[in-house]
C-alpha atoms as a PDB file:
ATOM      1  CA  UNK A   1     -36.379  76.646  74.395  1.00  0.00           C
ATOM      2  CA  UNK A   2     -40.032  77.357  74.505  1.00  0.00           C
ATOM      3  CA  UNK A   3     -41.656  73.765  73.928  1.00  0.00           C
ATOM      4  CA  UNK A   4     -44.619  74.996  71.901  1.00  0.00           C
ATOM      5  CA  UNK A   5     -45.254  74.230  68.811  1.00  0.00           C
ATOM      6  CA  UNK A   6     -46.177  75.887  65.799  1.00  0.00           C
ATOM      7  CA  UNK A   7     -47.873  74.929  62.491  1.00  0.00           C
ATOM      8  CA  UNK A   8     -44.007  75.303  60.866  1.00  0.00           C
ATOM      9  CA  UNK A   9     -43.146  72.812  63.758  1.00  0.00           C
ATOM     10  CA  UNK A  10     -45.176  70.006  62.504  1.00  0.00           C
ATOM     11  CA  UNK A  11     -44.684  70.544  58.298  1.00  0.00           C
ATOM     12  CA  UNK A  12     -41.153  70.323  58.745  1.00  0.00           C
ATOM     13  CA  UNK A  13     -39.847  68.231  61.699  1.00  0.00           C
ATOM     14  CA  UNK A  14     -43.175  65.334  59.806  1.00  0.00           C
ATOM     15  CA  UNK A  15     -40.938  62.985  58.891  1.00  0.00           C
ATOM     16  CA  UNK A  16     -39.293  62.805  62.734  1.00  0.00           C
ATOM     17  CA  UNK A  17     -42.504  62.986  64.601  1.00  0.00           C
ATOM     18  CA  UNK A  18     -44.067  60.013  62.600  1.00  0.00           C
ATOM     19  CA  UNK A  19     -41.224  57.969  62.906  1.00  0.00           C
ATOM     20  CA  UNK A  20     -41.368  58.302  67.017  1.00  0.00           C
ATOM     21  CA  UNK A  21     -44.731  58.674  67.793  1.00  0.00           C
ATOM     22  CA  UNK A  22     -46.660  57.364  65.049  1.00  0.00           C
ATOM     23  CA  UNK A  23     -49.357  58.597  62.752  1.00  0.00           C
ATOM     24  CA  UNK A  24     -51.825  59.087  65.288  1.00  0.00           C
ATOM     25  CA  UNK A  25     -49.566  60.745  67.530  1.00  0.00           C
ATOM     26  CA  UNK A  26     -49.605  63.921  64.629  1.00  0.00           C
ATOM     27  CA  UNK A  27     -52.346  63.978  63.241  1.00  0.00           C
ATOM     28  CA  UNK A  28     -53.625  64.478  67.195  1.00  0.00           C
ATOM     29  CA  UNK A  29     -50.944  66.999  67.353  1.00  0.00           C
ATOM     30  CA  UNK A  30     -51.876  68.580  63.678  1.00  0.00           C
ATOM     31  CA  UNK A  31     -55.480  69.279  65.128  1.00  0.00           C
ATOM     32  CA  UNK A  32     -54.732  70.788  68.107  1.00  0.00           C
ATOM     33  CA  UNK A  33     -52.000  73.210  66.637  1.00  0.00           C
ATOM     34  CA  UNK A  34     -54.807  74.511  64.304  1.00  0.00           C
ATOM     35  CA  UNK A  35     -57.669  74.493  65.840  1.00  0.00           C
ATOM     36  CA  UNK A  36     -56.764  76.246  69.631  1.00  0.00           C
ATOM     37  CA  UNK A  37     -55.684  79.813  70.244  1.00  0.00           C
ATOM     38  CA  UNK A  38     -53.424  79.250  72.909  1.00  0.00           C
ATOM     39  CA  UNK A  39     -50.191  77.603  72.686  1.00  0.00           C
ATOM     40  CA  UNK A  40     -49.829  73.911  72.568  1.00  0.00           C
ATOM     41  CA  UNK A  41     -46.823  72.005  73.969  1.00  0.00           C
ATOM     42  CA  UNK A  42     -45.655  68.306  72.527  1.00  0.00           C
ATOM     43  CA  UNK A  43     -46.375  66.739  75.857  1.00  0.00           C
ATOM     44  CA  UNK A  44     -50.238  68.228  75.751  1.00  0.00           C
ATOM     45  CA  UNK A  45     -50.397  66.200  72.132  1.00  0.00           C
ATOM     46  CA  UNK A  46     -49.024  63.673  72.339  1.00  0.00           C
ATOM     47  CA  UNK A  47     -50.652  62.437  76.109  1.00  0.00           C
END
């Protein structure tokens, strides 16, 4: 388990992320993952 989010994870697990954390968290993760140059963990995105 690496704990990092990839763009693929965001697209394949979108339904779970939105249902558990809401659309705001999903779009925040999308924004950080797509625009960051380093690795991003899910907790960094959500909180």
